[in-house]
Amino acid sequence: MPNFPRRRAKNAAAKAKLPKTSRFSRFARRARGEDLDRPRPRGIYLLPNAFTTAALFCGFYAIVMAMNQKFEYSAWAIFIAMVLDGLDGRVARLTNTQSEFGAQYDSLADMVSFGAAPALVIYEWSLRGLGKLGWIAAFVYCAGAALRLARFNTNIAVVDKRFFQGLPSPSAAALVAGFVLLMVDQDVSGLDLAWVSWGIAVFAGLTMVTNVPFYSFKDVNFRKSVPFITVFLIALFFALISIDPPKVMFPLFIGYGLSGYAVLVWRLAKGKPVSVIQTEIEDDDHLR
C-alpha cells in the first residue's frame, strides 16, 4: 500500500525549531521594558477600582452629610477620600493593573470627591447666607476643579513630574474641608465667617487653574535608606496631628496652598522658567 507524505511532519519540524516560551515569559519581557510601548490595556481590574469606588462613596457621603447639616462628618469623609485617592494609583502600579478605564474612573471620582463635594459643603455651611455671591463662589471652586482635572489628564505626559501645574484638587478640597472642620470644632457659625469662606473658595478655585508650580513629592525615593532621625521625625509628626487634628492639619493645608506662590517668586527671582511644561531637557544645574 503506497505511503503518501504528510504535511504534518513538516509543520511539526518547523514548530520544533521555534524557541520555547513559558507562561512566565511575558513577565520577563515586561521586566526588561519590552512592553512599555504597548497601549494601556482596556480591561477592568477589581482591586484598584475598589479603592476608587470607596473614594467616590466618601465624596457622595460628604454631600449627603452636608445636606443633613453634619459638616464634621462631611469634612472627615473628604479627608478619607484623599487617602483612598492616593492609594488606588499606587495599588494599580504595584499589582500591574493599570488600565484606561481606571484612569478615567479615577478622574470622575475625583470630580465628585474634590470638586462637587467641597463646593456643596462650604456653600451649605457658610456661603448660602450671601445669596448669589455665595453660590457663585461655590461654582468658581467646582468649575476650577473640573478644569484642573481635565488639564491634568491632557498634560500628564508633558508636565514636569516634580511639580503640579496649579493647586491639586485634593489639596484644594483639603483647604476647604480643613477650614470647615476647624471652625466646627471651635463652635463657630459658618454664617459669621461667610466672607472668609468666600475668599477661601475663590482662592482655591482660581489657584487650581493657574500655572503656579506646586511641589508634587513624586521625586522622593521611598526605597532609599534614610537616617534614623528621619523616622523619629515622622513618628513625631503623626503624634502632633493626633493631639488636635483640626488645629494641626489646617495650617499645613494653608502652608501648602501658599507654597506654590513662594516657588513662583523664587523661580522669577532666579530667572528660571515659570511654566512646568517640559519643552527641553534640563541640565544638571537646574536639577540641583
C-alpha atoms as a PDB file:
ATOM      1  CA  MET A   1       0.000   0.000   0.000  1.00  0.00           C
ATOM      2  CA  PRO A   2       1.613   3.269  -1.060  1.00  0.00           C
ATOM      3  CA  ASN A   3       2.542   5.753   1.646  1.00  0.00           C
ATOM      4  CA  PHE A   4       1.835   9.376   0.877  1.00  0.00           C
ATOM      5  CA  PRO A   5       3.924  12.072   2.572  1.00  0.00           C
ATOM      6  CA  ARG A   6       2.059  14.107   5.102  1.00  0.00           C
ATOM      7  CA  ARG A   7       2.500  17.828   5.717  1.00  0.00           C
ATOM      8  CA  ARG A   8       2.009  17.378   9.428  1.00  0.00           C
ATOM      9  CA  ALA A   9       5.551  16.172   9.873  1.00  0.00           C
ATOM     10  CA  LYS A  10       6.888  19.246   8.103  1.00  0.00           C
ATOM     11  CA  ASN A  11       4.818  21.505  10.284  1.00  0.00           C
ATOM     12  CA  ALA A  12       5.958  19.641  13.365  1.00  0.00           C
ATOM     13  CA  ALA A  13       9.592  20.100  12.362  1.00  0.00           C
ATOM     14  CA  ALA A  14       9.007  23.810  11.840  1.00  0.00           C
ATOM     15  CA  LYS A  15       7.407  24.134  15.239  1.00  0.00           C
ATOM     16  CA  ALA A  16      10.308  22.285  16.801  1.00  0.00           C
ATOM     17  CA  LYS A  17      12.693  24.962  15.523  1.00  0.00           C
ATOM     18  CA  LEU A  18      10.748  27.724  17.263  1.00  0.00           C
ATOM     19  CA  PRO A  19      12.070  28.823  20.658  1.00  0.00           C
ATOM     20  CA  LYS A  20      10.103  27.506  23.536  1.00  0.00           C
ATOM     21  CA  THR A  21       8.263  30.070  25.611  1.00  0.00           C
ATOM     22  CA  SER A  22       6.988  29.582  29.101  1.00  0.00           C
ATOM     23  CA  ARG A  23       3.913  31.040  30.677  1.00  0.00           C
ATOM     24  CA  PHE A  24       6.117  33.486  32.582  1.00  0.00           C
ATOM     25  CA  SER A  25       7.940  34.830  29.524  1.00  0.00           C
ATOM     26  CA  ARG A  26       5.669  37.866  29.231  1.00  0.00           C
ATOM     27  CA  PHE A  27       6.623  38.945  32.751  1.00  0.00           C
ATOM     28  CA  ALA A  28      10.311  38.649  31.817  1.00  0.00           C
ATOM     29  CA  ARG A  29       9.745  40.837  28.750  1.00  0.00           C
ATOM     30  CA  ARG A  30       7.896  43.367  30.878  1.00  0.00           C
ATOM     31  CA  ALA A  31      10.762  43.442  33.381  1.00  0.00           C
ATOM     32  CA  ARG A  32      13.203  44.189  30.514  1.00  0.00           C
ATOM     33  CA  GLY A  33      10.968  47.036  29.359  1.00  0.00           C
ATOM     34  CA  GLU A  34       9.989  45.487  26.028  1.00  0.00           C
ATOM     35  CA  ASP A  35       6.266  46.066  26.551  1.00  0.00           C
ATOM     36  CA  LEU A  36       6.462  49.693  27.628  1.00  0.00           C
ATOM     37  CA  ASP A  37       5.431  50.998  24.205  1.00  0.00           C
ATOM     38  CA  ARG A  38       2.281  48.910  24.091  1.00  0.00           C
ATOM     39  CA  PRO A  39      -1.053  50.693  24.638  1.00  0.00           C
ATOM     40  CA  ARG A  40      -2.608  50.548  28.081  1.00  0.00           C
ATOM     41  CA  PRO A  41      -4.942  47.536  28.416  1.00  0.00           C
ATOM     42  CA  ARG A  42      -8.659  48.211  28.357  1.00  0.00           C
ATOM     43  CA  GLY A  43      -9.609  45.660  30.990  1.00  0.00           C
ATOM     44  CA  ILE A  44     -11.365  46.426  34.254  1.00  0.00           C
ATOM     45  CA  TYR A  45      -9.465  45.348  37.359  1.00  0.00           C
ATOM     46  CA  LEU A  46     -11.143  44.877  40.704  1.00  0.00           C
ATOM     47  CA  LEU A  47      -8.559  45.935  43.289  1.00  0.00           C
ATOM     48  CA  PRO A  48      -7.602  49.497  42.197  1.00  0.00           C
ATOM     49  CA  ASN A  49     -11.157  50.292  41.091  1.00  0.00           C
ATOM     50  CA  ALA A  50     -12.425  49.178  44.501  1.00  0.00           C
ATOM     51  CA  PHE A  51     -10.303  51.912  46.115  1.00  0.00           C
ATOM     52  CA  THR A  52     -11.617  54.415  43.565  1.00  0.00           C
ATOM     53  CA  THR A  53     -15.198  53.360  44.307  1.00  0.00           C
ATOM     54  CA  ALA A  54     -14.566  53.793  48.034  1.00  0.00           C
ATOM     55  CA  ALA A  55     -13.250  57.317  47.400  1.00  0.00           C
ATOM     56  CA  LEU A  56     -16.318  58.058  45.275  1.00  0.00           C
ATOM     57  CA  PHE A  57     -18.552  56.835  48.097  1.00  0.00           C
ATOM     58  CA  CYS A  58     -16.768  59.146  50.555  1.00  0.00           C
ATOM     59  CA  GLY A  59     -17.437  62.101  48.265  1.00  0.00           C
ATOM     60  CA  PHE A  60     -21.103  61.173  47.954  1.00  0.00           C
ATOM     61  CA  TYR A  61     -21.300  60.645  51.726  1.00  0.00           C
ATOM     62  CA  ALA A  62     -19.823  64.118  52.296  1.00  0.00           C
ATOM     63  CA  ILE A  63     -22.577  65.633  50.135  1.00  0.00           C
ATOM     64  CA  VAL A  64     -25.323  63.746  51.987  1.00  0.00           C
ATOM     65  CA  MET A  65     -23.947  64.745  55.394  1.00  0.00           C
ATOM     66  CA  ALA A  66     -23.718  68.394  54.312  1.00  0.00           C
ATOM     67  CA  MET A  67     -27.380  68.314  53.300  1.00  0.00           C
ATOM     68  CA  ASN A  68     -28.125  66.961  56.789  1.00  0.00           C
ATOM     69  CA  GLN A  69     -26.062  69.762  58.407  1.00  0.00           C
ATOM     70  CA  LYS A  70     -23.440  67.320  59.724  1.00  0.00           C
ATOM     71  CA  PHE A  71     -20.423  69.179  58.438  1.00  0.00           C
ATOM     72  CA  GLU A  72     -17.853  67.452  60.649  1.00  0.00           C
ATOM     73  CA  TYR A  73     -18.706  64.108  59.048  1.00  0.00           C
ATOM     74  CA  SER A  74     -18.506  65.741  55.616  1.00  0.00           C
ATOM     75  CA  ALA A  75     -15.017  67.086  56.242  1.00  0.00           C
ATOM     76  CA  TRP A  76     -13.684  63.763  57.512  1.00  0.00           C
ATOM     77  CA  ALA A  77     -15.227  61.960  54.540  1.00  0.00           C
ATOM     78  CA  ILE A  78     -13.295  64.250  52.179  1.00  0.00           C
ATOM     79  CA  PHE A  79     -10.062  63.515  54.068  1.00  0.00           C
ATOM     80  CA  ILE A  80     -10.670  59.765  53.815  1.00  0.00           C
ATOM     81  CA  ALA A  81     -11.327  60.188  50.088  1.00  0.00           C
ATOM     82  CA  MET A  82      -7.910  61.868  49.817  1.00  0.00           C
ATOM     83  CA  VAL A  83      -6.210  58.850  51.387  1.00  0.00           C
ATOM     84  CA  LEU A  84      -8.070  56.407  49.144  1.00  0.00           C
ATOM     85  CA  ASP A  85      -7.297  58.505  46.065  1.00  0.00           C
ATOM     86  CA  GLY A  86      -3.615  58.314  46.886  1.00  0.00           C
ATOM     87  CA  LEU A  87      -3.776  54.546  47.286  1.00  0.00           C
ATOM     88  CA  ASP A  88      -5.628  53.469  44.148  1.00  0.00           C
ATOM     89  CA  GLY A  89      -2.908  54.550  41.735  1.00  0.00           C
ATOM     90  CA  ARG A  90      -0.133  53.017  43.819  1.00  0.00           C
ATOM     91  CA  VAL A  91      -2.055  49.761  44.165  1.00  0.00           C
ATOM     92  CA  ALA A  92      -2.573  49.663  40.392  1.00  0.00           C
ATOM     93  CA  ARG A  93       1.149  50.154  39.767  1.00  0.00           C
ATOM     94  CA  LEU A  94       2.223  47.619  42.383  1.00  0.00           C
ATOM     95  CA  THR A  95      -0.147  44.956  41.056  1.00  0.00           C
ATOM     96  CA  ASN A  96       0.415  45.952  37.401  1.00  0.00           C
ATOM     97  CA  THR A  97      -3.316  46.531  36.873  1.00  0.00           C
ATOM     98  CA  GLN A  98      -3.274  49.971  35.216  1.00  0.00           C
ATOM     99  CA  SER A  99      -5.982  50.496  32.630  1.00  0.00           C
ATOM    100  CA  GLU A 100      -7.540  53.314  30.658  1.00  0.00           C
ATOM    101  CA  PHE A 101     -10.840  52.602  32.377  1.00  0.00           C
ATOM    102  CA  GLY A 102      -9.225  53.025  35.788  1.00  0.00           C
ATOM    103  CA  ALA A 103      -7.653  56.347  34.799  1.00  0.00           C
ATOM    104  CA  GLN A 104     -10.946  57.774  33.571  1.00  0.00           C
ATOM    105  CA  TYR A 105     -12.894  56.360  36.511  1.00  0.00           C
ATOM    106  CA  ASP A 106     -10.429  57.892  38.957  1.00  0.00           C
ATOM    107  CA  SER A 107     -10.809  61.303  37.308  1.00  0.00           C
ATOM    108  CA  LEU A 108     -14.613  61.158  37.530  1.00  0.00           C
ATOM    109  CA  ALA A 109     -14.464  60.075  41.177  1.00  0.00           C
ATOM    110  CA  ASP A 110     -12.090  62.964  41.937  1.00  0.00           C
ATOM    111  CA  MET A 111     -14.581  65.391  40.426  1.00  0.00           C
ATOM    112  CA  VAL A 112     -17.212  64.226  42.902  1.00  0.00           C
ATOM    113  CA  SER A 113     -14.965  63.928  45.962  1.00  0.00           C
ATOM    114  CA  PHE A 114     -12.770  67.006  45.431  1.00  0.00           C
ATOM    115  CA  GLY A 115     -14.940  69.164  43.189  1.00  0.00           C
ATOM    116  CA  ALA A 116     -18.648  68.904  43.865  1.00  0.00           C
ATOM    117  CA  ALA A 117     -18.462  67.753  47.497  1.00  0.00           C
ATOM    118  CA  PRO A 118     -16.258  70.577  48.923  1.00  0.00           C
ATOM    119  CA  ALA A 119     -18.215  73.186  46.958  1.00  0.00           C
ATOM    120  CA  LEU A 120     -21.516  71.982  48.365  1.00  0.00           C
ATOM    121  CA  VAL A 121     -20.143  71.565  51.890  1.00  0.00           C
ATOM    122  CA  ILE A 122     -18.830  75.120  52.157  1.00  0.00           C
ATOM    123  CA  TYR A 123     -21.957  76.501  50.493  1.00  0.00           C
ATOM    124  CA  GLU A 124     -24.297  74.756  52.920  1.00  0.00           C
ATOM    125  CA  TRP A 125     -22.117  75.651  55.884  1.00  0.00           C
ATOM    126  CA  SER A 126     -21.433  79.310  55.159  1.00  0.00           C
ATOM    127  CA  LEU A 127     -21.962  80.684  51.655  1.00  0.00           C
ATOM    128  CA  ARG A 128     -25.710  80.358  51.352  1.00  0.00           C
ATOM    129  CA  GLY A 129     -26.090  83.440  53.542  1.00  0.00           C
ATOM    130  CA  LEU A 130     -24.509  85.559  50.773  1.00  0.00           C
ATOM    131  CA  GLY A 131     -27.173  84.818  48.187  1.00  0.00           C
ATOM    132  CA  LYS A 132     -25.945  84.892  44.597  1.00  0.00           C
ATOM    133  CA  LEU A 133     -22.387  85.730  45.588  1.00  0.00           C
ATOM    134  CA  GLY A 134     -22.343  82.600  47.724  1.00  0.00           C
ATOM    135  CA  TRP A 135     -23.283  80.121  45.035  1.00  0.00           C
ATOM    136  CA  ILE A 136     -21.073  81.929  42.521  1.00  0.00           C
ATOM    137  CA  ALA A 137     -18.061  81.336  44.789  1.00  0.00           C
ATOM    138  CA  ALA A 138     -19.030  77.671  45.159  1.00  0.00           C
ATOM    139  CA  PHE A 139     -19.370  77.384  41.384  1.00  0.00           C
ATOM    140  CA  VAL A 140     -15.956  79.002  40.847  1.00  0.00           C
ATOM    141  CA  TYR A 141     -14.453  76.300  43.040  1.00  0.00           C
ATOM    142  CA  CYS A 142     -16.384  73.494  41.327  1.00  0.00           C
ATOM    143  CA  ALA A 143     -15.509  74.748  37.828  1.00  0.00           C
ATOM    144  CA  GLY A 144     -11.871  75.184  38.834  1.00  0.00           C
ATOM    145  CA  ALA A 145     -11.722  71.566  39.982  1.00  0.00           C
ATOM    146  CA  ALA A 146     -13.255  70.328  36.713  1.00  0.00           C
ATOM    147  CA  LEU A 147     -10.834  72.374  34.590  1.00  0.00           C
ATOM    148  CA  ARG A 148      -7.904  71.293  36.764  1.00  0.00           C
ATOM    149  CA  LEU A 149      -8.706  67.600  36.310  1.00  0.00           C
ATOM    150  CA  ALA A 150      -9.242  67.992  32.556  1.00  0.00           C
ATOM    151  CA  ARG A 151      -5.927  69.808  32.143  1.00  0.00           C
ATOM    152  CA  PHE A 152      -4.138  67.213  34.270  1.00  0.00           C
ATOM    153  CA  ASN A 153      -5.401  64.398  32.034  1.00  0.00           C
ATOM    154  CA  THR A 154      -4.293  66.144  28.842  1.00  0.00           C
ATOM    155  CA  ASN A 155      -0.894  67.421  30.079  1.00  0.00           C
ATOM    156  CA  ILE A 156       0.181  64.400  32.096  1.00  0.00           C
ATOM    157  CA  ALA A 157       2.809  63.399  29.511  1.00  0.00           C
ATOM    158  CA  VAL A 158       4.490  66.822  29.221  1.00  0.00           C
ATOM    159  CA  VAL A 159       4.389  68.256  32.753  1.00  0.00           C
ATOM    160  CA  ASP A 160       7.498  68.212  34.923  1.00  0.00           C
ATOM    161  CA  LYS A 161       6.895  65.339  37.339  1.00  0.00           C
ATOM    162  CA  ARG A 162       8.417  67.280  40.217  1.00  0.00           C
ATOM    163  CA  PHE A 163       5.645  69.894  40.167  1.00  0.00           C
ATOM    164  CA  PHE A 164       1.894  70.138  39.750  1.00  0.00           C
ATOM    165  CA  GLN A 165       0.533  72.707  37.317  1.00  0.00           C
ATOM    166  CA  GLY A 166      -1.764  74.609  39.649  1.00  0.00           C
ATOM    167  CA  LEU A 167      -3.066  73.548  43.041  1.00  0.00           C
ATOM    168  CA  PRO A 168      -4.030  69.833  43.011  1.00  0.00           C
ATOM    169  CA  SER A 169      -7.742  69.227  43.513  1.00  0.00           C
ATOM    170  CA  PRO A 170      -7.230  67.037  46.640  1.00  0.00           C
ATOM    171  CA  SER A 171      -5.186  69.829  48.245  1.00  0.00           C
ATOM    172  CA  ALA A 172      -7.854  72.395  47.346  1.00  0.00           C
ATOM    173  CA  ALA A 173     -10.510  70.135  48.868  1.00  0.00           C
ATOM    174  CA  ALA A 174      -8.368  69.724  51.987  1.00  0.00           C
ATOM    175  CA  LEU A 175      -8.066  73.513  52.267  1.00  0.00           C
ATOM    176  CA  VAL A 176     -11.846  73.937  52.181  1.00  0.00           C
ATOM    177  CA  ALA A 177     -12.679  70.917  54.355  1.00  0.00           C
ATOM    178  CA  GLY A 178      -9.921  71.754  56.834  1.00  0.00           C
ATOM    179  CA  PHE A 179     -11.310  75.251  57.343  1.00  0.00           C
ATOM    180  CA  VAL A 180     -14.832  73.911  57.874  1.00  0.00           C
ATOM    181  CA  LEU A 181     -13.595  71.237  60.286  1.00  0.00           C
ATOM    182  CA  LEU A 182     -11.569  73.744  62.317  1.00  0.00           C
ATOM    183  CA  MET A 183     -14.444  76.197  62.661  1.00  0.00           C
ATOM    184  CA  VAL A 184     -16.950  73.458  63.541  1.00  0.00           C
ATOM    185  CA  ASP A 185     -14.515  72.177  66.162  1.00  0.00           C
ATOM    186  CA  GLN A 186     -14.372  75.698  67.646  1.00  0.00           C
ATOM    187  CA  ASP A 187     -18.201  76.026  67.577  1.00  0.00           C
ATOM    188  CA  VAL A 188     -18.011  78.972  65.173  1.00  0.00           C
ATOM    189  CA  SER A 189     -21.036  79.556  62.964  1.00  0.00           C
ATOM    190  CA  GLY A 190     -20.357  79.498  59.253  1.00  0.00           C
ATOM    191  CA  LEU A 191     -22.698  82.436  58.658  1.00  0.00           C
ATOM    192  CA  ASP A 192     -20.405  84.625  60.773  1.00  0.00           C
ATOM    193  CA  LEU A 193     -17.444  83.806  58.506  1.00  0.00           C
ATOM    194  CA  ALA A 194     -19.228  83.976  55.165  1.00  0.00           C
ATOM    195  CA  TRP A 195     -16.736  86.344  53.546  1.00  0.00           C
ATOM    196  CA  VAL A 196     -13.764  84.335  54.812  1.00  0.00           C
ATOM    197  CA  SER A 197     -15.336  81.211  53.323  1.00  0.00           C
ATOM    198  CA  TRP A 198     -15.964  83.136  50.103  1.00  0.00           C
ATOM    199  CA  GLY A 199     -12.302  84.111  49.893  1.00  0.00           C
ATOM    200  CA  ILE A 200     -11.070  80.569  50.555  1.00  0.00           C
ATOM    201  CA  ALA A 201     -13.411  79.057  47.961  1.00  0.00           C
ATOM    202  CA  VAL A 202     -12.451  81.591  45.279  1.00  0.00           C
ATOM    203  CA  PHE A 203      -8.746  81.334  46.132  1.00  0.00           C
ATOM    204  CA  ALA A 204      -8.790  77.531  45.904  1.00  0.00           C
ATOM    205  CA  GLY A 205     -10.829  77.547  42.691  1.00  0.00           C
ATOM    206  CA  LEU A 206      -8.640  80.072  40.880  1.00  0.00           C
ATOM    207  CA  THR A 207      -5.358  78.591  42.109  1.00  0.00           C
ATOM    208  CA  MET A 208      -6.309  75.225  40.624  1.00  0.00           C
ATOM    209  CA  VAL A 209      -6.403  76.716  37.106  1.00  0.00           C
ATOM    210  CA  THR A 210      -3.255  78.851  37.343  1.00  0.00           C
ATOM    211  CA  ASN A 211       0.223  77.833  36.166  1.00  0.00           C
ATOM    212  CA  VAL A 212       1.645  78.201  39.675  1.00  0.00           C
ATOM    213  CA  PRO A 213       4.015  75.255  40.338  1.00  0.00           C
ATOM    214  CA  PHE A 214       3.326  73.167  43.437  1.00  0.00           C
ATOM    215  CA  TYR A 215       5.849  70.576  44.559  1.00  0.00           C
ATOM    216  CA  SER A 216       4.497  67.070  43.900  1.00  0.00           C
ATOM    217  CA  PHE A 217       6.873  64.968  46.102  1.00  0.00           C
ATOM    218  CA  LYS A 218       6.985  62.432  43.243  1.00  0.00           C
ATOM    219  CA  ASP A 219      10.785  62.528  43.101  1.00  0.00           C
ATOM    220  CA  VAL A 220      11.092  61.342  46.713  1.00  0.00           C
ATOM    221  CA  ASN A 221      12.630  57.864  46.726  1.00  0.00           C
ATOM    222  CA  PHE A 222      10.881  55.880  49.434  1.00  0.00           C
ATOM    223  CA  ARG A 223      13.113  52.863  48.804  1.00  0.00           C
ATOM    224  CA  LYS A 224      16.261  54.795  49.691  1.00  0.00           C
ATOM    225  CA  SER A 225      17.740  54.404  53.146  1.00  0.00           C
ATOM    226  CA  VAL A 226      17.312  57.401  55.456  1.00  0.00           C
ATOM    227  CA  PRO A 227      18.907  58.440  58.752  1.00  0.00           C
ATOM    228  CA  PHE A 228      17.305  57.216  61.954  1.00  0.00           C
ATOM    229  CA  ILE A 229      16.282  60.761  62.915  1.00  0.00           C
ATOM    230  CA  THR A 230      14.021  60.886  59.841  1.00  0.00           C
ATOM    231  CA  VAL A 231      11.907  58.002  61.116  1.00  0.00           C
ATOM    232  CA  PHE A 232      11.709  59.683  64.525  1.00  0.00           C
ATOM    233  CA  LEU A 233      10.543  62.962  62.960  1.00  0.00           C
ATOM    234  CA  ILE A 234       7.825  61.146  61.005  1.00  0.00           C
ATOM    235  CA  ALA A 235       6.580  59.492  64.197  1.00  0.00           C
ATOM    236  CA  LEU A 236       6.639  62.881  65.950  1.00  0.00           C
ATOM    237  CA  PHE A 237       4.667  64.416  63.077  1.00  0.00           C
ATOM    238  CA  PHE A 238       1.851  61.882  63.416  1.00  0.00           C
ATOM    239  CA  ALA A 239       1.888  62.297  67.189  1.00  0.00           C
ATOM    240  CA  LEU A 240       1.399  66.064  66.834  1.00  0.00           C
ATOM    241  CA  ILE A 241      -1.507  65.553  64.442  1.00  0.00           C
ATOM    242  CA  SER A 242      -3.207  63.163  66.846  1.00  0.00           C
ATOM    243  CA  ILE A 243      -3.158  65.797  69.628  1.00  0.00           C
ATOM    244  CA  ASP A 244      -5.654  68.084  67.865  1.00  0.00           C
ATOM    245  CA  PRO A 245      -6.142  67.199  64.174  1.00  0.00           C
ATOM    246  CA  PRO A 246      -8.220  70.258  63.139  1.00  0.00           C
ATOM    247  CA  LYS A 247      -5.759  72.768  64.597  1.00  0.00           C
ATOM    248  CA  VAL A 248      -2.681  70.984  63.241  1.00  0.00           C
ATOM    249  CA  MET A 249      -3.850  69.997  59.766  1.00  0.00           C
ATOM    250  CA  PHE A 250      -5.376  73.290  58.616  1.00  0.00           C
ATOM    251  CA  PRO A 251      -2.119  75.300  58.963  1.00  0.00           C
ATOM    252  CA  LEU A 252      -0.409  72.564  56.936  1.00  0.00           C
ATOM    253  CA  PHE A 253      -3.010  72.920  54.189  1.00  0.00           C
ATOM    254  CA  ILE A 254      -2.624  76.697  54.248  1.00  0.00           C
ATOM    255  CA  GLY A 255       1.141  76.352  54.030  1.00  0.00           C
ATOM    256  CA  TYR A 256       0.960  74.060  51.013  1.00  0.00           C
ATOM    257  CA  GLY A 257      -1.648  76.289  49.350  1.00  0.00           C
ATOM    258  CA  LEU A 258       0.768  79.238  49.588  1.00  0.00           C
ATOM    259  CA  SER A 259       3.927  77.244  48.825  1.00  0.00           C
ATOM    260  CA  GLY A 260       3.268  77.361  45.095  1.00  0.00           C
ATOM    261  CA  TYR A 261       3.374  81.139  45.071  1.00  0.00           C
ATOM    262  CA  ALA A 262       6.636  81.030  47.034  1.00  0.00           C
ATOM    263  CA  VAL A 263       8.095  78.688  44.401  1.00  0.00           C
ATOM    264  CA  LEU A 264       6.797  81.033  41.684  1.00  0.00           C
ATOM    265  CA  VAL A 265       8.523  84.066  43.243  1.00  0.00           C
ATOM    266  CA  TRP A 266      11.722  82.057  43.732  1.00  0.00           C
ATOM    267  CA  ARG A 267      11.744  80.963  40.081  1.00  0.00           C
ATOM    268  CA  LEU A 268      11.160  84.522  38.894  1.00  0.00           C
ATOM    269  CA  ALA A 269      13.979  85.779  41.119  1.00  0.00           C
ATOM    270  CA  LYS A 270      16.351  83.103  39.771  1.00  0.00           C
ATOM    271  CA  GLY A 271      15.332  83.743  36.178  1.00  0.00           C
ATOM    272  CA  LYS A 272      14.067  80.198  35.720  1.00  0.00           C
ATOM    273  CA  PRO A 273      11.027  79.318  33.589  1.00  0.00           C
ATOM    274  CA  VAL A 274       7.765  79.615  35.472  1.00  0.00           C
ATOM    275  CA  SER A 275       5.859  77.033  33.430  1.00  0.00           C
ATOM    276  CA  VAL A 276       6.193  73.393  34.493  1.00  0.00           C
ATOM    277  CA  ILE A 277       5.565  72.176  30.938  1.00  0.00           C
ATOM    278  CA  GLN A 278       8.745  70.478  29.768  1.00  0.00           C
ATOM    279  CA  THR A 279       9.889  71.864  26.422  1.00  0.00           C
ATOM    280  CA  GLU A 280      13.515  70.732  26.687  1.00  0.00           C
ATOM    281  CA  ILE A 281      15.726  68.575  28.869  1.00  0.00           C
ATOM    282  CA  GLU A 282      17.009  70.498  31.857  1.00  0.00           C
ATOM    283  CA  ASP A 283      20.723  70.467  32.640  1.00  0.00           C
ATOM    284  CA  ASP A 284      22.263  69.378  35.922  1.00  0.00           C
ATOM    285  CA  ASP A 285      22.304  72.917  37.326  1.00  0.00           C
ATOM    286  CA  HIS A 286      18.509  73.105  37.113  1.00  0.00           C
ATOM    287  CA  LEU A 287      18.157  69.783  38.909  1.00  0.00           C
ATOM    288  CA  ARG A 288      20.129  70.848  41.969  1.00  0.00           C
END
